[in-house]
PDB file of N, CA and C in Angstrom:
ATOM      1  N   GLN A   1       0.835  -1.178   0.000  1.00  0.00           N
ATOM      2  CA  GLN A   1       0.000   0.000   0.000  1.00  0.00           C
ATOM      3  C   GLN A   1       0.882   1.244   0.000  1.00  0.00           C
ATOM      4  N   VAL A   2       0.558   2.201  -0.841  1.00  0.00           N
ATOM      5  CA  VAL A   2       1.323   3.428  -0.959  1.00  0.00           C
ATOM      6  C   VAL A   2       0.817   4.441   0.052  1.00  0.00           C
ATOM      7  N   GLN A   3       1.747   5.128   0.692  1.00  0.00           N
ATOM      8  CA  GLN A   3       1.418   6.201   1.620  1.00  0.00           C
ATOM      9  C   GLN A   3       2.258   7.428   1.320  1.00  0.00           C
ATOM     10  N   LEU A   4       1.662   8.596   1.512  1.00  0.00           N
ATOM     11  CA  LEU A   4       2.374   9.862   1.480  1.00  0.00           C
ATOM     12  C   LEU A   4       2.346  10.429   2.891  1.00  0.00           C
ATOM     13  N   VAL A   5       3.507  10.689   3.461  1.00  0.00           N
ATOM     14  CA  VAL A   5       3.601  11.155   4.835  1.00  0.00           C
ATOM     15  C   VAL A   5       4.293  12.507   4.866  1.00  0.00           C
ATOM     16  N   GLU A   6       3.564  13.527   5.335  1.00  0.00           N
ATOM     17  CA  GLU A   6       4.117  14.870   5.447  1.00  0.00           C
ATOM     18  C   GLU A   6       4.761  15.077   6.815  1.00  0.00           C
ATOM     19  N   SER A   7       5.723  15.982   6.853  1.00  0.00           N
ATOM     20  CA  SER A   7       6.344  16.374   8.101  1.00  0.00           C
ATOM     21  C   SER A   7       6.898  17.782   7.958  1.00  0.00           C
ATOM     22  N   GLY A   8       7.200  18.411   9.086  1.00  0.00           N
ATOM     23  CA  GLY A   8       7.826  19.719   9.075  1.00  0.00           C
ATOM     24  C   GLY A   8       6.925  20.873   9.442  1.00  0.00           C
ATOM     25  N   GLY A   9       5.657  20.624   9.645  1.00  0.00           N
ATOM     26  CA  GLY A   9       4.752  21.689  10.029  1.00  0.00           C
ATOM     27  C   GLY A   9       5.008  22.150  11.450  1.00  0.00           C
ATOM     28  N   GLY A  10       4.420  23.288  11.795  1.00  0.00           N
ATOM     29  CA  GLY A  10       4.584  23.823  13.125  1.00  0.00           C
ATOM     30  C   GLY A  10       4.201  25.278  13.200  1.00  0.00           C
ATOM     31  N   LEU A  11       4.616  25.913  14.283  1.00  0.00           N
ATOM     32  CA  LEU A  11       4.335  27.327  14.529  1.00  0.00           C
ATOM     33  C   LEU A  11       5.549  28.162  14.162  1.00  0.00           C
ATOM     34  N   VAL A  12       5.321  29.227  13.400  1.00  0.00           N
ATOM     35  CA  VAL A  12       6.400  30.109  12.985  1.00  0.00           C
ATOM     36  C   VAL A  12       5.894  31.548  13.010  1.00  0.00           C
ATOM     37  N   GLN A  13       6.789  32.488  13.292  1.00  0.00           N
ATOM     38  CA  GLN A  13       6.418  33.900  13.314  1.00  0.00           C
ATOM     39  C   GLN A  13       6.306  34.464  11.904  1.00  0.00           C
ATOM     40  N   PRO A  14       5.487  35.498  11.718  1.00  0.00           N
ATOM     41  CA  PRO A  14       5.429  36.149  10.407  1.00  0.00           C
ATOM     42  C   PRO A  14       6.816  36.572   9.940  1.00  0.00           C
ATOM     43  N   GLY A  15       7.085  36.345   8.656  1.00  0.00           N
ATOM     44  CA  GLY A  15       8.395  36.627   8.102  1.00  0.00           C
ATOM     45  C   GLY A  15       9.375  35.485   8.228  1.00  0.00           C
ATOM     46  N   GLY A  16       9.015  34.471   8.973  1.00  0.00           N
ATOM     47  CA  GLY A  16       9.889  33.334   9.178  1.00  0.00           C
ATOM     48  C   GLY A  16       9.821  32.331   8.048  1.00  0.00           C
ATOM     49  N   SER A  17      10.537  31.224   8.238  1.00  0.00           N
ATOM     50  CA  SER A  17      10.637  30.188   7.221  1.00  0.00           C
ATOM     51  C   SER A  17      10.332  28.822   7.811  1.00  0.00           C
ATOM     52  N   LEU A  18       9.896  27.937   6.945  1.00  0.00           N
ATOM     53  CA  LEU A  18       9.579  26.576   7.334  1.00  0.00           C
ATOM     54  C   LEU A  18       9.725  25.692   6.108  1.00  0.00           C
ATOM     55  N   THR A  19      10.178  24.470   6.300  1.00  0.00           N
ATOM     56  CA  THR A  19      10.309  23.521   5.204  1.00  0.00           C
ATOM     57  C   THR A  19       9.469  22.284   5.475  1.00  0.00           C
ATOM     58  N   LEU A  20       8.617  21.941   4.538  1.00  0.00           N
ATOM     59  CA  LEU A  20       7.793  20.750   4.623  1.00  0.00           C
ATOM     60  C   LEU A  20       8.394  19.644   3.771  1.00  0.00           C
ATOM     61  N   SER A  21       8.221  18.410   4.216  1.00  0.00           N
ATOM     62  CA  SER A  21       8.680  17.249   3.473  1.00  0.00           C
ATOM     63  C   SER A  21       7.530  16.275   3.300  1.00  0.00           C
ATOM     64  N   CYS A  22       7.538  15.562   2.194  1.00  0.00           N
ATOM     65  CA  CYS A  22       6.553  14.526   1.933  1.00  0.00           C
ATOM     66  C   CYS A  22       7.257  13.348   1.289  1.00  0.00           C
ATOM     67  N   ALA A  23       7.221  12.217   1.959  1.00  0.00           N
ATOM     68  CA  ALA A  23       7.877  11.013   1.468  1.00  0.00           C
ATOM     69  C   ALA A  23       6.838   9.974   1.070  1.00  0.00           C
ATOM     70  N   ALA A  24       6.966   9.450  -0.128  1.00  0.00           N
ATOM     71  CA  ALA A  24       6.108   8.379  -0.601  1.00  0.00           C
ATOM     72  C   ALA A  24       6.755   7.039  -0.281  1.00  0.00           C
ATOM     73  N   SER A  25       5.973   6.129   0.262  1.00  0.00           N
ATOM     74  CA  SER A  25       6.486   4.808   0.605  1.00  0.00           C
ATOM     75  C   SER A  25       5.535   3.733   0.101  1.00  0.00           C
ATOM     76  N   GLY A  26       6.048   2.521  -0.002  1.00  0.00           N
ATOM     77  CA  GLY A  26       5.266   1.413  -0.504  1.00  0.00           C
ATOM     78  C   GLY A  26       5.775   0.955  -1.855  1.00  0.00           C
ATOM     79  N   THR A  27       4.926   0.241  -2.568  1.00  0.00           N
ATOM     80  CA  THR A  27       5.284  -0.244  -3.894  1.00  0.00           C
ATOM     81  C   THR A  27       5.065   0.866  -4.907  1.00  0.00           C
ATOM     82  N   ILE A  28       6.163   1.396  -5.417  1.00  0.00           N
ATOM     83  CA  ILE A  28       6.120   2.537  -6.326  1.00  0.00           C
ATOM     84  C   ILE A  28       6.890   2.201  -7.592  1.00  0.00           C
ATOM     85  N   PHE A  29       6.238   2.361  -8.726  1.00  0.00           N
ATOM     86  CA  PHE A  29       6.900   2.155 -10.003  1.00  0.00           C
ATOM     87  C   PHE A  29       7.508   3.462 -10.513  1.00  0.00           C
ATOM     88  N   SER A  30       6.714   4.503 -10.517  1.00  0.00           N
ATOM     89  CA  SER A  30       7.198   5.822 -10.871  1.00  0.00           C
ATOM     90  C   SER A  30       6.204   6.861 -10.373  1.00  0.00           C
ATOM     91  N   ILE A  31       6.673   8.083 -10.247  1.00  0.00           N
ATOM     92  CA  ILE A  31       5.833   9.185  -9.802  1.00  0.00           C
ATOM     93  C   ILE A  31       5.911  10.298 -10.832  1.00  0.00           C
ATOM     94  N   ASP A  32       4.763  10.746 -11.278  1.00  0.00           N
ATOM     95  CA  ASP A  32       4.716  11.851 -12.226  1.00  0.00           C
ATOM     96  C   ASP A  32       4.708  13.171 -11.457  1.00  0.00           C
ATOM     97  N   VAL A  33       3.558  13.806 -11.387  1.00  0.00           N
ATOM     98  CA  VAL A  33       3.458  15.093 -10.710  1.00  0.00           C
ATOM     99  C   VAL A  33       3.381  14.892  -9.199  1.00  0.00           C
ATOM    100  N   MET A  34       4.109  15.706  -8.458  1.00  0.00           N
ATOM    101  CA  MET A  34       3.966  15.817  -7.016  1.00  0.00           C
ATOM    102  C   MET A  34       3.672  17.270  -6.688  1.00  0.00           C
ATOM    103  N   GLY A  35       2.884  17.487  -5.661  1.00  0.00           N
ATOM    104  CA  GLY A  35       2.538  18.856  -5.338  1.00  0.00           C
ATOM    105  C   GLY A  35       2.058  19.037  -3.921  1.00  0.00           C
ATOM    106  N   TRP A  36       1.832  20.293  -3.597  1.00  0.00           N
ATOM    107  CA  TRP A  36       1.338  20.684  -2.293  1.00  0.00           C
ATOM    108  C   TRP A  36       0.050  21.473  -2.437  1.00  0.00           C
ATOM    109  N   TYR A  37      -0.907  21.159  -1.594  1.00  0.00           N
ATOM    110  CA  TYR A  37      -2.155  21.884  -1.485  1.00  0.00           C
ATOM    111  C   TYR A  37      -2.314  22.325  -0.040  1.00  0.00           C
ATOM    112  N   ARG A  38      -3.203  23.281   0.202  1.00  0.00           N
ATOM    113  CA  ARG A  38      -3.452  23.701   1.565  1.00  0.00           C
ATOM    114  C   ARG A  38      -4.925  24.031   1.746  1.00  0.00           C
ATOM    115  N   GLN A  39      -5.380  23.917   2.984  1.00  0.00           N
ATOM    116  CA  GLN A  39      -6.757  24.214   3.312  1.00  0.00           C
ATOM    117  C   GLN A  39      -6.813  24.916   4.663  1.00  0.00           C
ATOM    118  N   ALA A  40      -7.304  26.140   4.650  1.00  0.00           N
ATOM    119  CA  ALA A  40      -7.502  26.914   5.863  1.00  0.00           C
ATOM    120  C   ALA A  40      -8.926  26.691   6.370  1.00  0.00           C
ATOM    121  N   PRO A  41      -9.184  26.996   7.649  1.00  0.00           N
ATOM    122  CA  PRO A  41     -10.537  26.827   8.179  1.00  0.00           C
ATOM    123  C   PRO A  41     -11.579  27.562   7.346  1.00  0.00           C
ATOM    124  N   VAL A  42     -12.682  26.925   7.105  1.00  0.00           N
ATOM    125  CA  VAL A  42     -13.826  27.419   6.339  1.00  0.00           C
ATOM    126  C   VAL A  42     -13.464  27.843   4.916  1.00  0.00           C
ATOM    127  N   LYS A  43     -12.364  27.345   4.399  1.00  0.00           N
ATOM    128  CA  LYS A  43     -11.978  27.616   3.025  1.00  0.00           C
ATOM    129  C   LYS A  43     -11.792  26.306   2.263  1.00  0.00           C
ATOM    130  N   GLN A  44     -11.885  26.397   0.942  1.00  0.00           N
ATOM    131  CA  GLN A  44     -11.655  25.236   0.102  1.00  0.00           C
ATOM    132  C   GLN A  44     -10.163  24.944  -0.022  1.00  0.00           C
ATOM    133  N   ARG A  45      -9.867  23.696  -0.296  1.00  0.00           N
ATOM    134  CA  ARG A  45      -8.492  23.317  -0.534  1.00  0.00           C
ATOM    135  C   ARG A  45      -7.998  23.969  -1.827  1.00  0.00           C
ATOM    136  N   GLU A  46      -6.794  24.519  -1.792  1.00  0.00           N
ATOM    137  CA  GLU A  46      -6.243  25.199  -2.943  1.00  0.00           C
ATOM    138  C   GLU A  46      -4.852  24.677  -3.272  1.00  0.00           C
ATOM    139  N   LEU A  47      -4.516  24.745  -4.540  1.00  0.00           N
ATOM    140  CA  LEU A  47      -3.192  24.347  -4.992  1.00  0.00           C
ATOM    141  C   LEU A  47      -2.162  25.374  -4.558  1.00  0.00           C
ATOM    142  N   VAL A  48      -1.030  24.892  -4.058  1.00  0.00           N
ATOM    143  CA  VAL A  48       0.079  25.750  -3.662  1.00  0.00           C
ATOM    144  C   VAL A  48       1.189  25.699  -4.702  1.00  0.00           C
ATOM    145  N   ALA A  49       1.657  24.497  -5.012  1.00  0.00           N
ATOM    146  CA  ALA A  49       2.752  24.336  -5.957  1.00  0.00           C
ATOM    147  C   ALA A  49       2.793  22.902  -6.448  1.00  0.00           C
ATOM    148  N   THR A  50       3.273  22.713  -7.675  1.00  0.00           N
ATOM    149  CA  THR A  50       3.459  21.381  -8.232  1.00  0.00           C
ATOM    150  C   THR A  50       4.814  21.291  -8.910  1.00  0.00           C
ATOM    151  N   ALA A  51       5.313  20.071  -9.024  1.00  0.00           N
ATOM    152  CA  ALA A  51       6.556  19.803  -9.732  1.00  0.00           C
ATOM    153  C   ALA A  51       6.410  18.485 -10.470  1.00  0.00           C
ATOM    154  N   ASN A  52       6.647  18.496 -11.778  1.00  0.00           N
ATOM    155  CA  ASN A  52       6.566  17.249 -12.513  1.00  0.00           C
ATOM    156  C   ASN A  52       7.908  16.526 -12.494  1.00  0.00           C
ATOM    157  N   SER A  53       7.920  15.320 -13.048  1.00  0.00           N
ATOM    158  CA  SER A  53       9.117  14.492 -12.981  1.00  0.00           C
ATOM    159  C   SER A  53      10.273  15.071 -13.779  1.00  0.00           C
ATOM    160  N   GLY A  54       9.976  15.930 -14.743  1.00  0.00           N
ATOM    161  CA  GLY A  54      11.013  16.564 -15.531  1.00  0.00           C
ATOM    162  C   GLY A  54      11.605  17.808 -14.903  1.00  0.00           C
ATOM    163  N   GLY A  55      11.033  18.244 -13.781  1.00  0.00           N
ATOM    164  CA  GLY A  55      11.586  19.373 -13.063  1.00  0.00           C
ATOM    165  C   GLY A  55      10.851  20.688 -13.231  1.00  0.00           C
ATOM    166  N   SER A  56       9.860  20.739 -14.098  1.00  0.00           N
ATOM    167  CA  SER A  56       9.111  21.980 -14.248  1.00  0.00           C
ATOM    168  C   SER A  56       8.201  22.185 -13.048  1.00  0.00           C
ATOM    169  N   THR A  57       7.997  23.431 -12.672  1.00  0.00           N
ATOM    170  CA  THR A  57       7.225  23.760 -11.477  1.00  0.00           C
ATOM    171  C   THR A  57       6.139  24.763 -11.797  1.00  0.00           C
ATOM    172  N   ASN A  58       5.145  24.797 -10.926  1.00  0.00           N
ATOM    173  CA  ASN A  58       4.043  25.725 -11.054  1.00  0.00           C
ATOM    174  C   ASN A  58       3.650  26.177  -9.655  1.00  0.00           C
ATOM    175  N   TYR A  59       3.334  27.468  -9.505  1.00  0.00           N
ATOM    176  CA  TYR A  59       3.013  28.033  -8.206  1.00  0.00           C
ATOM    177  C   TYR A  59       1.738  28.847  -8.264  1.00  0.00           C
ATOM    178  N   ALA A  60       1.011  28.823  -7.168  1.00  0.00           N
ATOM    179  CA  ALA A  60      -0.092  29.752  -7.013  1.00  0.00           C
ATOM    180  C   ALA A  60       0.454  31.171  -6.939  1.00  0.00           C
ATOM    181  N   ASP A  61      -0.304  32.122  -7.471  1.00  0.00           N
ATOM    182  CA  ASP A  61       0.157  33.509  -7.462  1.00  0.00           C
ATOM    183  C   ASP A  61       0.451  34.006  -6.049  1.00  0.00           C
ATOM    184  N   SER A  62      -0.288  33.521  -5.077  1.00  0.00           N
ATOM    185  CA  SER A  62      -0.142  33.997  -3.709  1.00  0.00           C
ATOM    186  C   SER A  62       1.177  33.596  -3.055  1.00  0.00           C
ATOM    187  N   VAL A  63       1.882  32.613  -3.626  1.00  0.00           N
ATOM    188  CA  VAL A  63       3.125  32.152  -3.012  1.00  0.00           C
ATOM    189  C   VAL A  63       4.335  32.346  -3.909  1.00  0.00           C
ATOM    190  N   LYS A  64       4.146  32.821  -5.127  1.00  0.00           N
ATOM    191  CA  LYS A  64       5.270  33.028  -6.038  1.00  0.00           C
ATOM    192  C   LYS A  64       6.292  33.976  -5.434  1.00  0.00           C
ATOM    193  N   GLY A  65       7.548  33.591  -5.538  1.00  0.00           N
ATOM    194  CA  GLY A  65       8.624  34.395  -4.989  1.00  0.00           C
ATOM    195  C   GLY A  65       8.908  34.130  -3.537  1.00  0.00           C
ATOM    196  N   ARG A  66       8.035  33.398  -2.860  1.00  0.00           N
ATOM    197  CA  ARG A  66       8.227  33.094  -1.444  1.00  0.00           C
ATOM    198  C   ARG A  66       8.427  31.607  -1.176  1.00  0.00           C
ATOM    199  N   PHE A  67       7.732  30.760  -1.934  1.00  0.00           N
ATOM    200  CA  PHE A  67       7.804  29.312  -1.739  1.00  0.00           C
ATOM    201  C   PHE A  67       8.590  28.675  -2.872  1.00  0.00           C
ATOM    202  N   THR A  68       9.273  27.585  -2.561  1.00  0.00           N
ATOM    203  CA  THR A  68      10.005  26.819  -3.559  1.00  0.00           C
ATOM    204  C   THR A  68       9.709  25.341  -3.380  1.00  0.00           C
ATOM    205  N   ILE A  69       9.251  24.700  -4.446  1.00  0.00           N
ATOM    206  CA  ILE A  69       9.015  23.267  -4.419  1.00  0.00           C
ATOM    207  C   ILE A  69      10.202  22.563  -5.068  1.00  0.00           C
ATOM    208  N   SER A  70      10.599  21.441  -4.504  1.00  0.00           N
ATOM    209  CA  SER A  70      11.707  20.672  -5.052  1.00  0.00           C
ATOM    210  C   SER A  70      11.462  19.188  -4.800  1.00  0.00           C
ATOM    211  N   ARG A  71      12.180  18.359  -5.549  1.00  0.00           N
ATOM    212  CA  ARG A  71      12.005  16.912  -5.435  1.00  0.00           C
ATOM    213  C   ARG A  71      13.339  16.201  -5.360  1.00  0.00           C
ATOM    214  N   ASP A  72      13.345  15.116  -4.612  1.00  0.00           N
ATOM    215  CA  ASP A  72      14.440  14.167  -4.625  1.00  0.00           C
ATOM    216  C   ASP A  72      13.838  12.869  -5.146  1.00  0.00           C
ATOM    217  N   ASN A  73      13.946  12.647  -6.436  1.00  0.00           N
ATOM    218  CA  ASN A  73      13.283  11.503  -7.056  1.00  0.00           C
ATOM    219  C   ASN A  73      13.827  10.170  -6.556  1.00  0.00           C
ATOM    220  N   ALA A  74      15.103  10.125  -6.207  1.00  0.00           N
ATOM    221  CA  ALA A  74      15.687   8.893  -5.696  1.00  0.00           C
ATOM    222  C   ALA A  74      15.067   8.489  -4.362  1.00  0.00           C
ATOM    223  N   LYS A  75      14.589   9.473  -3.603  1.00  0.00           N
ATOM    224  CA  LYS A  75      13.977   9.214  -2.305  1.00  0.00           C
ATOM    225  C   LYS A  75      12.455   9.301  -2.349  1.00  0.00           C
ATOM    226  N   ASN A  76      11.889   9.523  -3.537  1.00  0.00           N
ATOM    227  CA  ASN A  76      10.441   9.686  -3.686  1.00  0.00           C
ATOM    228  C   ASN A  76       9.899  10.725  -2.705  1.00  0.00           C
ATOM    229  N   THR A  77      10.589  11.834  -2.634  1.00  0.00           N
ATOM    230  CA  THR A  77      10.270  12.866  -1.658  1.00  0.00           C
ATOM    231  C   THR A  77      10.131  14.219  -2.335  1.00  0.00           C
ATOM    232  N   VAL A  78       9.160  14.994  -1.894  1.00  0.00           N
ATOM    233  CA  VAL A  78       8.972  16.354  -2.363  1.00  0.00           C
ATOM    234  C   VAL A  78       9.042  17.290  -1.164  1.00  0.00           C
ATOM    235  N   TYR A  79       9.593  18.477  -1.384  1.00  0.00           N
ATOM    236  CA  TYR A  79       9.777  19.460  -0.329  1.00  0.00           C
ATOM    237  C   TYR A  79       9.077  20.762  -0.703  1.00  0.00           C
ATOM    238  N   LEU A  80       8.744  21.520   0.308  1.00  0.00           N
ATOM    239  CA  LEU A  80       8.225  22.860   0.111  1.00  0.00           C
ATOM    240  C   LEU A  80       8.949  23.792   1.068  1.00  0.00           C
ATOM    241  N   GLN A  81       9.832  24.612   0.517  1.00  0.00           N
ATOM    242  CA  GLN A  81      10.534  25.622   1.298  1.00  0.00           C
ATOM    243  C   GLN A  81       9.680  26.881   1.309  1.00  0.00           C
ATOM    244  N   MET A  82       9.278  27.312   2.482  1.00  0.00           N
ATOM    245  CA  MET A  82       8.398  28.456   2.634  1.00  0.00           C
ATOM    246  C   MET A  82       9.143  29.574   3.348  1.00  0.00           C
ATOM    247  N   ASN A  83       9.287  30.695   2.668  1.00  0.00           N
ATOM    248  CA  ASN A  83       9.950  31.869   3.218  1.00  0.00           C
ATOM    249  C   ASN A  83       8.978  33.035   3.303  1.00  0.00           C
ATOM    250  N   SER A  84       9.352  34.036   4.077  1.00  0.00           N
ATOM    251  CA  SER A  84       8.531  35.240   4.231  1.00  0.00           C
ATOM    252  C   SER A  84       7.081  34.890   4.526  1.00  0.00           C
ATOM    253  N   LEU A  85       6.895  34.007   5.464  1.00  0.00           N
ATOM    254  CA  LEU A  85       5.561  33.504   5.769  1.00  0.00           C
ATOM    255  C   LEU A  85       4.657  34.593   6.324  1.00  0.00           C
ATOM    256  N   LYS A  86       3.393  34.509   5.947  1.00  0.00           N
ATOM    257  CA  LYS A  86       2.375  35.456   6.350  1.00  0.00           C
ATOM    258  C   LYS A  86       1.278  34.737   7.124  1.00  0.00           C
ATOM    259  N   PRO A  87       0.540  35.452   7.971  1.00  0.00           N
ATOM    260  CA  PRO A  87      -0.561  34.802   8.697  1.00  0.00           C
ATOM    261  C   PRO A  87      -1.550  34.107   7.765  1.00  0.00           C
ATOM    262  N   GLN A  88      -1.778  34.655   6.580  1.00  0.00           N
ATOM    263  CA  GLN A  88      -2.707  34.042   5.652  1.00  0.00           C
ATOM    264  C   GLN A  88      -2.192  32.736   5.053  1.00  0.00           C
ATOM    265  N   ASP A  89      -0.932  32.393   5.313  1.00  0.00           N
ATOM    266  CA  ASP A  89      -0.409  31.092   4.912  1.00  0.00           C
ATOM    267  C   ASP A  89      -0.816  29.991   5.882  1.00  0.00           C
ATOM    268  N   THR A  90      -1.400  30.355   7.003  1.00  0.00           N
ATOM    269  CA  THR A  90      -1.830  29.376   7.994  1.00  0.00           C
ATOM    270  C   THR A  90      -2.864  28.433   7.390  1.00  0.00           C
ATOM    271  N   ALA A  91      -2.584  27.138   7.461  1.00  0.00           N
ATOM    272  CA  ALA A  91      -3.463  26.133   6.869  1.00  0.00           C
ATOM    273  C   ALA A  91      -2.908  24.755   7.170  1.00  0.00           C
ATOM    274  N   VAL A  92      -3.710  23.748   6.874  1.00  0.00           N
ATOM    275  CA  VAL A  92      -3.207  22.385   6.816  1.00  0.00           C
ATOM    276  C   VAL A  92      -2.681  22.159   5.410  1.00  0.00           C
ATOM    277  N   TYR A  93      -1.443  21.736   5.310  1.00  0.00           N
ATOM    278  CA  TYR A  93      -0.805  21.514   4.021  1.00  0.00           C
ATOM    279  C   TYR A  93      -0.807  20.026   3.699  1.00  0.00           C
ATOM    280  N   TYR A  94      -1.247  19.700   2.492  1.00  0.00           N
ATOM    281  CA  TYR A  94      -1.383  18.325   2.051  1.00  0.00           C
ATOM    282  C   TYR A  94      -0.467  18.037   0.871  1.00  0.00           C
ATOM    283  N   CYS A  95       0.192  16.913   0.929  1.00  0.00           N
ATOM    284  CA  CYS A  95       0.994  16.432  -0.184  1.00  0.00           C
ATOM    285  C   CYS A  95       0.107  15.638  -1.140  1.00  0.00           C
ATOM    286  N   ASN A  96       0.378  15.751  -2.423  1.00  0.00           N
ATOM    287  CA  ASN A  96      -0.376  15.020  -3.440  1.00  0.00           C
ATOM    288  C   ASN A  96       0.584  14.494  -4.497  1.00  0.00           C
ATOM    289  N   ALA A  97       0.285  13.308  -5.008  1.00  0.00           N
ATOM    290  CA  ALA A  97       1.159  12.726  -6.021  1.00  0.00           C
ATOM    291  C   ALA A  97       0.381  11.836  -6.962  1.00  0.00           C
ATOM    292  N   ASP A  98       0.761  11.870  -8.229  1.00  0.00           N
ATOM    293  CA  ASP A  98       0.272  10.935  -9.235  1.00  0.00           C
ATOM    294  C   ASP A  98       1.316   9.846  -9.408  1.00  0.00           C
ATOM    295  N   LEU A  99       0.936   8.630  -9.031  1.00  0.00           N
ATOM    296  CA  LEU A  99       1.817   7.480  -9.182  1.00  0.00           C
ATOM    297  C   LEU A  99       1.433   6.698 -10.419  1.00  0.00           C
ATOM    298  N   ILE A 100       2.434   6.194 -11.135  1.00  0.00           N
ATOM    299  CA  ILE A 100       2.226   5.477 -12.382  1.00  0.00           C
ATOM    300  C   ILE A 100       2.585   4.014 -12.195  1.00  0.00           C
ATOM    301  N   ARG A 101       1.641   3.125 -12.512  1.00  0.00           N
ATOM    302  CA  ARG A 101       1.916   1.697 -12.490  1.00  0.00           C
ATOM    303  C   ARG A 101       2.745   1.281 -13.696  1.00  0.00           C
ATOM    304  N   ARG A 102       3.262   0.067 -13.658  1.00  0.00           N
ATOM    305  CA  ARG A 102       4.045  -0.465 -14.760  1.00  0.00           C
ATOM    306  C   ARG A 102       3.264  -0.433 -16.066  1.00  0.00           C
ATOM    307  N   SER A 103       1.952  -0.633 -15.973  1.00  0.00           N
ATOM    308  CA  SER A 103       1.095  -0.637 -17.144  1.00  0.00           C
ATOM    309  C   SER A 103       0.850   0.757 -17.707  1.00  0.00           C
ATOM    310  N   GLY A 104       1.192   1.774 -16.945  1.00  0.00           N
ATOM    311  CA  GLY A 104       0.915   3.141 -17.325  1.00  0.00           C
ATOM    312  C   GLY A 104      -0.317   3.720 -16.653  1.00  0.00           C
ATOM    313  N   TYR A 105      -1.025   2.912 -15.888  1.00  0.00           N
ATOM    314  CA  TYR A 105      -2.211   3.365 -15.185  1.00  0.00           C
ATOM    315  C   TYR A 105      -1.826   4.351 -14.088  1.00  0.00           C
ATOM    316  N   ARG A 106      -2.575   5.429 -13.974  1.00  0.00           N
ATOM    317  CA  ARG A 106      -2.268   6.513 -13.048  1.00  0.00           C
ATOM    318  C   ARG A 106      -3.187   6.471 -11.826  1.00  0.00           C
ATOM    319  N   LEU A 107      -2.601   6.598 -10.644  1.00  0.00           N
ATOM    320  CA  LEU A 107      -3.342   6.680  -9.390  1.00  0.00           C
ATOM    321  C   LEU A 107      -2.921   7.926  -8.630  1.00  0.00           C
ATOM    322  N   ASN A 108      -3.890   8.589  -8.027  1.00  0.00           N
ATOM    323  CA  ASN A 108      -3.625   9.801  -7.268  1.00  0.00           C
ATOM    324  C   ASN A 108      -3.720   9.525  -5.775  1.00  0.00           C
ATOM    325  N   TYR A 109      -2.754  10.060  -5.007  1.00  0.00           N
ATOM    326  CA  TYR A 109      -2.696   9.848  -3.569  1.00  0.00           C
ATOM    327  C   TYR A 109      -2.577  11.165  -2.832  1.00  0.00           C
ATOM    328  N   TRP A 110      -3.115  11.175  -1.610  1.00  0.00           N
ATOM    329  CA  TRP A 110      -3.028  12.319  -0.715  1.00  0.00           C
ATOM    330  C   TRP A 110      -2.354  11.931   0.589  1.00  0.00           C
ATOM    331  N   GLY A 111      -1.587  12.853   1.147  1.00  0.00           N
ATOM    332  CA  GLY A 111      -1.054  12.680   2.483  1.00  0.00           C
ATOM    333  C   GLY A 111      -2.085  13.054   3.528  1.00  0.00           C
ATOM    334  N   GLN A 112      -1.732  12.864   4.795  1.00  0.00           N
ATOM    335  CA  GLN A 112      -2.676  13.117   5.883  1.00  0.00           C
ATOM    336  C   GLN A 112      -2.744  14.583   6.293  1.00  0.00           C
ATOM    337  N   GLY A 113      -1.799  15.381   5.854  1.00  0.00           N
ATOM    338  CA  GLY A 113      -1.777  16.797   6.160  1.00  0.00           C
ATOM    339  C   GLY A 113      -0.879  17.135   7.329  1.00  0.00           C
ATOM    340  N   THR A 114      -0.303  18.326   7.287  1.00  0.00           N
ATOM    341  CA  THR A 114       0.506  18.836   8.386  1.00  0.00           C
ATOM    342  C   THR A 114       0.143  20.300   8.616  1.00  0.00           C
ATOM    343  N   GLN A 115      -0.023  20.672   9.870  1.00  0.00           N
ATOM    344  CA  GLN A 115      -0.486  22.010  10.224  1.00  0.00           C
ATOM    345  C   GLN A 115       0.655  23.012  10.191  1.00  0.00           C
ATOM    346  N   VAL A 116       0.430  24.125   9.505  1.00  0.00           N
ATOM    347  CA  VAL A 116       1.347  25.259   9.513  1.00  0.00           C
ATOM    348  C   VAL A 116       0.600  26.456  10.079  1.00  0.00           C
ATOM    349  N   THR A 117       1.129  27.028  11.150  1.00  0.00           N
ATOM    350  CA  THR A 117       0.518  28.185  11.783  1.00  0.00           C
ATOM    351  C   THR A 117       1.516  29.325  11.807  1.00  0.00           C
ATOM    352  N   VAL A 118       1.140  30.450  11.212  1.00  0.00           N
ATOM    353  CA  VAL A 118       1.988  31.636  11.155  1.00  0.00           C
ATOM    354  C   VAL A 118       1.362  32.687  12.060  1.00  0.00           C
ATOM    355  N   SER A 119       1.995  32.939  13.189  1.00  0.00           N
ATOM    356  CA  SER A 119       1.436  33.847  14.181  1.00  0.00           C
ATOM    357  C   SER A 119       2.537  34.345  15.099  1.00  0.00           C
ATOM    358  N   SER A 120       2.370  35.572  15.585  1.00  0.00           N
ATOM    359  CA  SER A 120       3.289  36.128  16.557  1.00  0.00           C
ATOM    360  C   SER A 120       2.815  35.906  17.982  1.00  0.00           C
TER     361      SER A 120
END
């Protein structure tokens, strides 16, 4: 069974930095897109950043210039470096990945989420 496990969340002051990690474990043939989403209280889940297997990245306008997504494909791990954090970045952050079977069949997985709180 494949699992995505996030770590690195916590409490940080405005303007501070935090790095999130998401490691995929289990039987994995290959991983296409990996990304981060977030959901604040009473808000819908929104895309934060994605990175495909070729290294191209995409960011929500609200985090461009502040967040950086990166991958270590050998470790099946994706990271989110968050700088210049703002209170509005407070949310549960979820890892997401498209895993590819040997046959080419695509499956989408979600992590359990990690809380990021930006407050003084």
